């Protein structure tokens, strides 16, 4: 927040140099930021005040953005069949045109953490 306020005070011809200096200071403190981030933060501050600088979560957080409910059901079925690391690659082959392997793995792990498997009749 301090960087945005300093950046706002920079004169018209020195904004680029000020942005580079502020990015260096932020990185020294362990904050990952680019010069472009300062310009975006500045715009958010000018539009919404300090409230525009607070982190916000997406409204569709935790929901798939690029596939429908049917695909999620197929993923949950696949998640129940996956028992060892080699199974995930085999199950992914049916989803390769829809999502990346990393996304598929993330969804499978998310489902596996929340779903309690119902035992089959033979196992009872």
N, C-alpha and C. Protein backbone atom coordinates (compact mmCIF):
# COMPACT_ATOMS: atom_id res chain seq x y z
N UNK A 1 0.82 -1.17 0.00
CA UNK A 1 0.00 0.00 0.00
C UNK A 1 0.88 1.25 0.00
N UNK A 2 1.95 1.19 0.74
CA UNK A 2 2.89 2.30 0.78
C UNK A 2 3.44 2.58 -0.62
N UNK A 3 3.73 1.51 -1.37
CA UNK A 3 4.28 1.68 -2.71
C UNK A 3 3.30 2.40 -3.62
N UNK A 4 2.02 2.11 -3.48
CA UNK A 4 1.01 2.78 -4.32
C UNK A 4 0.94 4.26 -4.00
N UNK A 5 0.97 4.58 -2.72
CA UNK A 5 0.91 6.00 -2.34
C UNK A 5 2.14 6.76 -2.81
N UNK A 6 3.31 6.15 -2.73
CA UNK A 6 4.52 6.79 -3.24
C UNK A 6 4.44 6.94 -4.76
N UNK A 7 3.93 5.89 -5.41
CA UNK A 7 3.81 5.91 -6.86
C UNK A 7 2.85 7.00 -7.34
N UNK A 8 1.80 7.25 -6.55
CA UNK A 8 0.86 8.31 -6.90
C UNK A 8 1.52 9.69 -6.86
N UNK A 9 2.48 9.87 -5.96
CA UNK A 9 3.14 11.16 -5.80
C UNK A 9 4.22 11.41 -6.85
N UNK A 10 4.61 10.38 -7.61
CA UNK A 10 5.69 10.53 -8.59
C UNK A 10 5.27 11.51 -9.69
N UNK A 11 6.19 12.30 -10.13
CA UNK A 11 5.93 13.25 -11.20
C UNK A 11 5.77 12.52 -12.53
N UNK A 12 5.17 13.20 -13.48
CA UNK A 12 4.81 12.57 -14.75
C UNK A 12 6.00 11.94 -15.48
N UNK A 13 7.12 12.56 -15.51
CA UNK A 13 8.25 12.04 -16.25
C UNK A 13 9.07 10.99 -15.52
N UNK A 14 8.79 10.79 -14.25
CA UNK A 14 9.63 9.88 -13.46
C UNK A 14 8.89 8.64 -12.98
N UNK A 15 7.73 8.36 -13.50
CA UNK A 15 6.94 7.22 -13.02
C UNK A 15 7.63 5.90 -13.30
N UNK A 16 8.24 5.75 -14.47
CA UNK A 16 8.88 4.49 -14.82
C UNK A 16 10.04 4.17 -13.89
N UNK A 17 10.88 5.16 -13.65
CA UNK A 17 12.01 4.95 -12.75
C UNK A 17 11.52 4.67 -11.32
N UNK A 18 10.48 5.38 -10.91
CA UNK A 18 9.93 5.18 -9.57
C UNK A 18 9.33 3.78 -9.45
N UNK A 19 8.67 3.32 -10.49
CA UNK A 19 8.10 1.97 -10.47
C UNK A 19 9.20 0.92 -10.33
N UNK A 20 10.29 1.08 -11.06
CA UNK A 20 11.40 0.13 -10.96
C UNK A 20 12.01 0.14 -9.57
N UNK A 21 12.16 1.32 -8.99
CA UNK A 21 12.73 1.42 -7.65
C UNK A 21 11.81 0.77 -6.62
N UNK A 22 10.50 1.03 -6.73
CA UNK A 22 9.55 0.46 -5.79
C UNK A 22 9.45 -1.06 -5.92
N UNK A 23 9.53 -1.56 -7.15
CA UNK A 23 9.52 -3.01 -7.36
C UNK A 23 10.73 -3.64 -6.69
N UNK A 24 11.87 -2.99 -6.81
CA UNK A 24 13.08 -3.49 -6.14
C UNK A 24 12.90 -3.54 -4.63
N UNK A 25 12.29 -2.52 -4.06
CA UNK A 25 12.04 -2.50 -2.62
C UNK A 25 11.06 -3.60 -2.21
N UNK A 26 10.02 -3.80 -3.02
CA UNK A 26 9.05 -4.84 -2.71
C UNK A 26 9.68 -6.23 -2.79
N UNK A 27 10.50 -6.44 -3.79
CA UNK A 27 11.17 -7.75 -3.92
C UNK A 27 12.14 -8.00 -2.78
N UNK A 28 12.78 -6.94 -2.29
CA UNK A 28 13.68 -7.09 -1.15
C UNK A 28 12.91 -7.52 0.11
N UNK A 29 11.63 -7.15 0.17
CA UNK A 29 10.80 -7.54 1.31
C UNK A 29 10.11 -8.89 1.08
N UNK A 30 10.33 -9.49 -0.09
CA UNK A 30 9.74 -10.79 -0.37
C UNK A 30 8.39 -10.75 -1.07
N UNK A 31 8.00 -9.59 -1.56
CA UNK A 31 6.72 -9.45 -2.27
C UNK A 31 6.98 -9.59 -3.76
N UNK A 32 6.29 -10.54 -4.37
CA UNK A 32 6.45 -10.71 -5.82
C UNK A 32 5.55 -9.71 -6.53
N UNK A 33 6.15 -8.78 -7.21
CA UNK A 33 5.39 -7.76 -7.93
C UNK A 33 6.20 -7.29 -9.12
N UNK A 34 5.49 -6.91 -10.16
CA UNK A 34 6.10 -6.35 -11.35
C UNK A 34 5.74 -4.87 -11.42
N UNK A 35 6.39 -4.16 -12.30
CA UNK A 35 6.09 -2.73 -12.45
C UNK A 35 4.64 -2.56 -12.92
N UNK A 36 4.18 -3.49 -13.74
CA UNK A 36 2.80 -3.42 -14.22
C UNK A 36 1.81 -3.53 -13.06
N UNK A 37 2.18 -4.31 -12.04
CA UNK A 37 1.31 -4.45 -10.86
C UNK A 37 1.10 -3.10 -10.19
N UNK A 38 2.15 -2.30 -10.11
CA UNK A 38 2.01 -0.98 -9.49
C UNK A 38 1.02 -0.11 -10.26
N UNK A 39 1.06 -0.18 -11.58
CA UNK A 39 0.12 0.59 -12.38
C UNK A 39 -1.32 0.10 -12.14
N UNK A 40 -1.50 -1.22 -12.04
CA UNK A 40 -2.84 -1.76 -11.77
C UNK A 40 -3.32 -1.37 -10.38
N UNK A 41 -2.43 -1.48 -9.39
CA UNK A 41 -2.80 -1.10 -8.03
C UNK A 41 -3.15 0.38 -7.96
N UNK A 42 -2.41 1.20 -8.68
CA UNK A 42 -2.68 2.64 -8.72
C UNK A 42 -4.07 2.90 -9.29
N UNK A 43 -4.40 2.22 -10.38
CA UNK A 43 -5.72 2.38 -11.00
C UNK A 43 -6.82 1.91 -10.05
N UNK A 44 -6.61 0.77 -9.38
CA UNK A 44 -7.60 0.29 -8.42
C UNK A 44 -7.81 1.29 -7.29
N UNK A 45 -6.73 1.89 -6.83
CA UNK A 45 -6.83 2.88 -5.77
C UNK A 45 -7.60 4.12 -6.25
N UNK A 46 -7.31 4.57 -7.47
CA UNK A 46 -8.00 5.75 -7.99
C UNK A 46 -9.48 5.49 -8.21
N UNK A 47 -9.84 4.28 -8.59
CA UNK A 47 -11.24 3.95 -8.86
C UNK A 47 -12.01 3.68 -7.57
N UNK A 48 -11.43 2.86 -6.68
CA UNK A 48 -12.18 2.38 -5.51
C UNK A 48 -11.62 2.80 -4.17
N UNK A 49 -10.55 3.55 -4.14
CA UNK A 49 -9.94 3.92 -2.87
C UNK A 49 -9.19 2.75 -2.26
N UNK A 50 -9.02 2.78 -0.95
CA UNK A 50 -8.28 1.70 -0.30
C UNK A 50 -9.01 0.36 -0.40
N UNK A 51 -10.32 0.40 -0.53
CA UNK A 51 -11.09 -0.84 -0.68
C UNK A 51 -10.75 -1.59 -1.96
N UNK A 52 -10.28 -0.88 -2.96
CA UNK A 52 -9.90 -1.52 -4.21
C UNK A 52 -8.60 -2.30 -4.11
N UNK A 53 -7.82 -2.07 -3.05
CA UNK A 53 -6.54 -2.76 -2.88
C UNK A 53 -6.66 -4.03 -2.04
N UNK A 54 -7.82 -4.28 -1.45
CA UNK A 54 -7.98 -5.49 -0.65
C UNK A 54 -8.13 -6.70 -1.56
N UNK A 55 -7.56 -7.84 -1.18
CA UNK A 55 -7.70 -9.03 -2.02
C UNK A 55 -9.14 -9.52 -2.03
N UNK A 56 -9.58 -9.93 -3.19
CA UNK A 56 -10.94 -10.45 -3.34
C UNK A 56 -10.86 -11.85 -3.97
N UNK A 57 -11.80 -12.68 -3.61
CA UNK A 57 -11.89 -14.00 -4.19
C UNK A 57 -12.85 -13.95 -5.37
N UNK A 58 -12.60 -14.80 -6.35
CA UNK A 58 -13.49 -14.87 -7.49
C UNK A 58 -14.85 -15.40 -7.06
N UNK A 59 -15.90 -14.97 -7.73
CA UNK A 59 -17.23 -15.44 -7.37
C UNK A 59 -17.43 -16.91 -7.75
N UNK A 60 -16.64 -17.40 -8.71
CA UNK A 60 -16.76 -18.80 -9.11
C UNK A 60 -15.66 -19.66 -8.51
N UNK A 61 -15.14 -19.27 -7.36
CA UNK A 61 -14.06 -19.99 -6.72
C UNK A 61 -14.49 -21.42 -6.36
N UNK A 62 -13.66 -22.38 -6.73
CA UNK A 62 -13.95 -23.77 -6.44
C UNK A 62 -14.88 -24.44 -7.42
N UNK A 63 -15.27 -23.74 -8.46
CA UNK A 63 -16.14 -24.30 -9.48
C UNK A 63 -15.37 -24.37 -10.80
N UNK A 64 -15.64 -25.37 -11.61
CA UNK A 64 -14.94 -25.45 -12.90
C UNK A 64 -15.36 -24.30 -13.80
N UNK A 65 -14.40 -23.72 -14.49
CA UNK A 65 -14.68 -22.57 -15.35
C UNK A 65 -14.89 -22.94 -16.80
N UNK A 66 -14.33 -24.06 -17.22
CA UNK A 66 -14.37 -24.34 -18.66
C UNK A 66 -15.00 -25.69 -18.99
N UNK A 67 -15.71 -26.30 -18.07
CA UNK A 67 -16.45 -27.51 -18.41
C UNK A 67 -17.72 -27.58 -17.57
N UNK A 68 -18.63 -28.43 -18.00
CA UNK A 68 -19.95 -28.47 -17.38
C UNK A 68 -20.05 -29.53 -16.29
N UNK A 69 -21.23 -29.68 -15.75
CA UNK A 69 -21.47 -30.59 -14.65
C UNK A 69 -21.26 -32.05 -15.06
N UNK A 70 -21.54 -32.38 -16.31
CA UNK A 70 -21.34 -33.75 -16.79
C UNK A 70 -19.88 -34.17 -16.72
N UNK A 71 -18.99 -33.26 -17.04
CA UNK A 71 -17.56 -33.56 -16.97
C UNK A 71 -17.14 -33.76 -15.51
N UNK A 72 -17.70 -32.97 -14.62
CA UNK A 72 -17.38 -33.12 -13.20
C UNK A 72 -17.84 -34.47 -12.67
N UNK A 73 -18.96 -34.96 -13.16
CA UNK A 73 -19.43 -36.29 -12.77
C UNK A 73 -18.49 -37.35 -13.30
N UNK A 74 -18.03 -37.19 -14.55
CA UNK A 74 -17.06 -38.15 -15.11
C UNK A 74 -15.76 -38.14 -14.32
N UNK A 75 -15.32 -36.94 -13.89
CA UNK A 75 -14.09 -36.85 -13.10
C UNK A 75 -14.28 -37.54 -11.75
N UNK A 76 -15.45 -37.36 -11.13
CA UNK A 76 -15.68 -38.00 -9.84
C UNK A 76 -15.73 -39.52 -9.98
N UNK A 77 -16.28 -40.02 -11.09
CA UNK A 77 -16.25 -41.47 -11.34
C UNK A 77 -14.81 -41.95 -11.50
N UNK A 78 -14.02 -41.19 -12.24
CA UNK A 78 -12.61 -41.55 -12.44
C UNK A 78 -11.85 -41.49 -11.11
N UNK A 79 -12.19 -40.52 -10.26
CA UNK A 79 -11.50 -40.38 -8.98
C UNK A 79 -11.71 -41.60 -8.10
N UNK A 80 -12.88 -42.21 -8.20
CA UNK A 80 -13.15 -43.42 -7.41
C UNK A 80 -12.38 -44.63 -7.93
N UNK A 81 -12.05 -44.62 -9.22
CA UNK A 81 -11.30 -45.74 -9.80
C UNK A 81 -9.80 -45.62 -9.59
N UNK A 82 -9.32 -44.44 -9.27
CA UNK A 82 -7.88 -44.22 -9.13
C UNK A 82 -7.43 -44.68 -7.75
N UNK A 83 -6.51 -45.64 -7.73
CA UNK A 83 -6.02 -46.19 -6.47
C UNK A 83 -4.52 -46.04 -6.31
N UNK A 84 -3.78 -45.97 -7.42
CA UNK A 84 -2.33 -45.85 -7.36
C UNK A 84 -1.88 -44.83 -8.40
N UNK A 85 -0.65 -44.33 -8.32
CA UNK A 85 -0.21 -43.24 -9.19
C UNK A 85 -0.33 -43.53 -10.69
N UNK A 86 -0.15 -44.75 -11.13
CA UNK A 86 -0.25 -45.03 -12.55
C UNK A 86 -1.66 -44.93 -13.09
N UNK A 87 -2.64 -45.08 -12.21
CA UNK A 87 -4.04 -45.03 -12.64
C UNK A 87 -4.45 -43.63 -13.10
N UNK A 88 -3.88 -42.62 -12.50
CA UNK A 88 -4.30 -41.26 -12.84
C UNK A 88 -3.95 -40.92 -14.29
N UNK A 89 -2.80 -41.39 -14.77
CA UNK A 89 -2.41 -41.14 -16.16
C UNK A 89 -3.35 -41.89 -17.11
N UNK A 90 -3.72 -43.10 -16.75
CA UNK A 90 -4.61 -43.89 -17.59
C UNK A 90 -6.00 -43.26 -17.67
N UNK A 91 -6.50 -42.80 -16.54
CA UNK A 91 -7.83 -42.17 -16.51
C UNK A 91 -7.82 -40.82 -17.23
N UNK A 92 -6.68 -40.15 -17.19
CA UNK A 92 -6.59 -38.82 -17.82
C UNK A 92 -6.77 -38.88 -19.33
N UNK A 93 -6.47 -39.97 -19.95
CA UNK A 93 -6.53 -40.06 -21.41
C UNK A 93 -7.90 -39.72 -21.96
N UNK A 94 -8.94 -39.97 -21.21
CA UNK A 94 -10.29 -39.60 -21.66
C UNK A 94 -10.61 -38.13 -21.50
N UNK A 95 -9.75 -37.39 -20.82
CA UNK A 95 -10.01 -35.98 -20.55
C UNK A 95 -8.99 -35.05 -21.21
N UNK A 96 -8.09 -35.59 -21.99
CA UNK A 96 -6.98 -34.79 -22.51
C UNK A 96 -7.43 -33.66 -23.42
N UNK A 97 -8.60 -33.78 -24.06
CA UNK A 97 -9.08 -32.71 -24.92
C UNK A 97 -9.83 -31.62 -24.14
N UNK A 98 -10.15 -31.89 -22.88
CA UNK A 98 -10.93 -30.95 -22.06
C UNK A 98 -10.04 -30.11 -21.15
N UNK A 99 -9.00 -30.75 -20.54
CA UNK A 99 -8.19 -30.06 -19.55
C UNK A 99 -6.78 -30.62 -19.54
N UNK A 100 -5.89 -29.92 -18.85
CA UNK A 100 -4.51 -30.38 -18.73
C UNK A 100 -4.44 -31.49 -17.68
N UNK A 101 -3.33 -32.21 -17.69
CA UNK A 101 -3.13 -33.29 -16.73
C UNK A 101 -3.05 -32.72 -15.31
N UNK A 102 -2.43 -31.58 -15.14
CA UNK A 102 -2.35 -30.96 -13.83
C UNK A 102 -3.72 -30.58 -13.28
N UNK A 103 -4.59 -30.03 -14.13
CA UNK A 103 -5.94 -29.69 -13.70
C UNK A 103 -6.72 -30.94 -13.34
N UNK A 104 -6.58 -31.98 -14.17
CA UNK A 104 -7.27 -33.24 -13.89
C UNK A 104 -6.80 -33.81 -12.55
N UNK A 105 -5.51 -33.80 -12.32
CA UNK A 105 -4.96 -34.32 -11.06
C UNK A 105 -5.47 -33.51 -9.87
N UNK A 106 -5.52 -32.19 -10.02
CA UNK A 106 -5.99 -31.33 -8.94
C UNK A 106 -7.46 -31.62 -8.60
N UNK A 107 -8.30 -31.76 -9.65
CA UNK A 107 -9.71 -32.06 -9.42
C UNK A 107 -9.88 -33.44 -8.81
N UNK A 108 -9.11 -34.42 -9.27
CA UNK A 108 -9.21 -35.77 -8.71
C UNK A 108 -8.83 -35.76 -7.24
N UNK A 109 -7.74 -35.11 -6.89
CA UNK A 109 -7.32 -35.04 -5.48
C UNK A 109 -8.34 -34.30 -4.63
N UNK A 110 -8.93 -33.25 -5.18
CA UNK A 110 -9.95 -32.50 -4.46
C UNK A 110 -11.16 -33.38 -4.19
N UNK A 111 -11.61 -34.12 -5.19
CA UNK A 111 -12.77 -35.01 -5.04
C UNK A 111 -12.44 -36.14 -4.08
N UNK A 112 -11.25 -36.73 -4.21
CA UNK A 112 -10.88 -37.83 -3.34
C UNK A 112 -10.80 -37.40 -1.88
N UNK A 113 -10.44 -36.17 -1.63
CA UNK A 113 -10.36 -35.69 -0.25
C UNK A 113 -11.73 -35.48 0.37
N UNK A 114 -12.76 -35.30 -0.46
CA UNK A 114 -14.09 -34.99 0.05
C UNK A 114 -15.10 -36.11 -0.09
N UNK A 115 -14.82 -37.10 -0.89
CA UNK A 115 -15.77 -38.18 -1.14
C UNK A 115 -15.37 -39.40 -0.33
N UNK A 116 -16.34 -39.95 0.36
CA UNK A 116 -16.14 -41.21 1.07
C UNK A 116 -16.64 -42.30 0.16
N UNK A 117 -15.78 -43.23 -0.15
CA UNK A 117 -16.15 -44.28 -1.09
C UNK A 117 -17.12 -45.26 -0.45
N UNK A 118 -18.15 -45.63 -1.19
CA UNK A 118 -19.13 -46.62 -0.74
C UNK A 118 -18.58 -47.99 -1.11
N UNK A 119 -18.46 -48.91 -0.17
CA UNK A 119 -17.92 -50.23 -0.52
C UNK A 119 -18.83 -50.99 -1.45
N UNK A 120 -18.22 -51.80 -2.32
CA UNK A 120 -19.00 -52.63 -3.23
C UNK A 120 -19.64 -53.78 -2.46
N UNK A 121 -20.63 -54.41 -3.07
CA UNK A 121 -21.33 -55.50 -2.40
C UNK A 121 -20.41 -56.67 -2.07
N UNK A 122 -19.41 -56.91 -2.95
CA UNK A 122 -18.50 -58.03 -2.71
C UNK A 122 -17.63 -57.77 -1.48
N UNK A 123 -17.36 -56.49 -1.17
CA UNK A 123 -16.49 -56.13 -0.07
C UNK A 123 -17.22 -56.14 1.28
N UNK A 124 -18.52 -56.16 1.27
CA UNK A 124 -19.30 -56.10 2.52
C UNK A 124 -19.34 -57.45 3.20
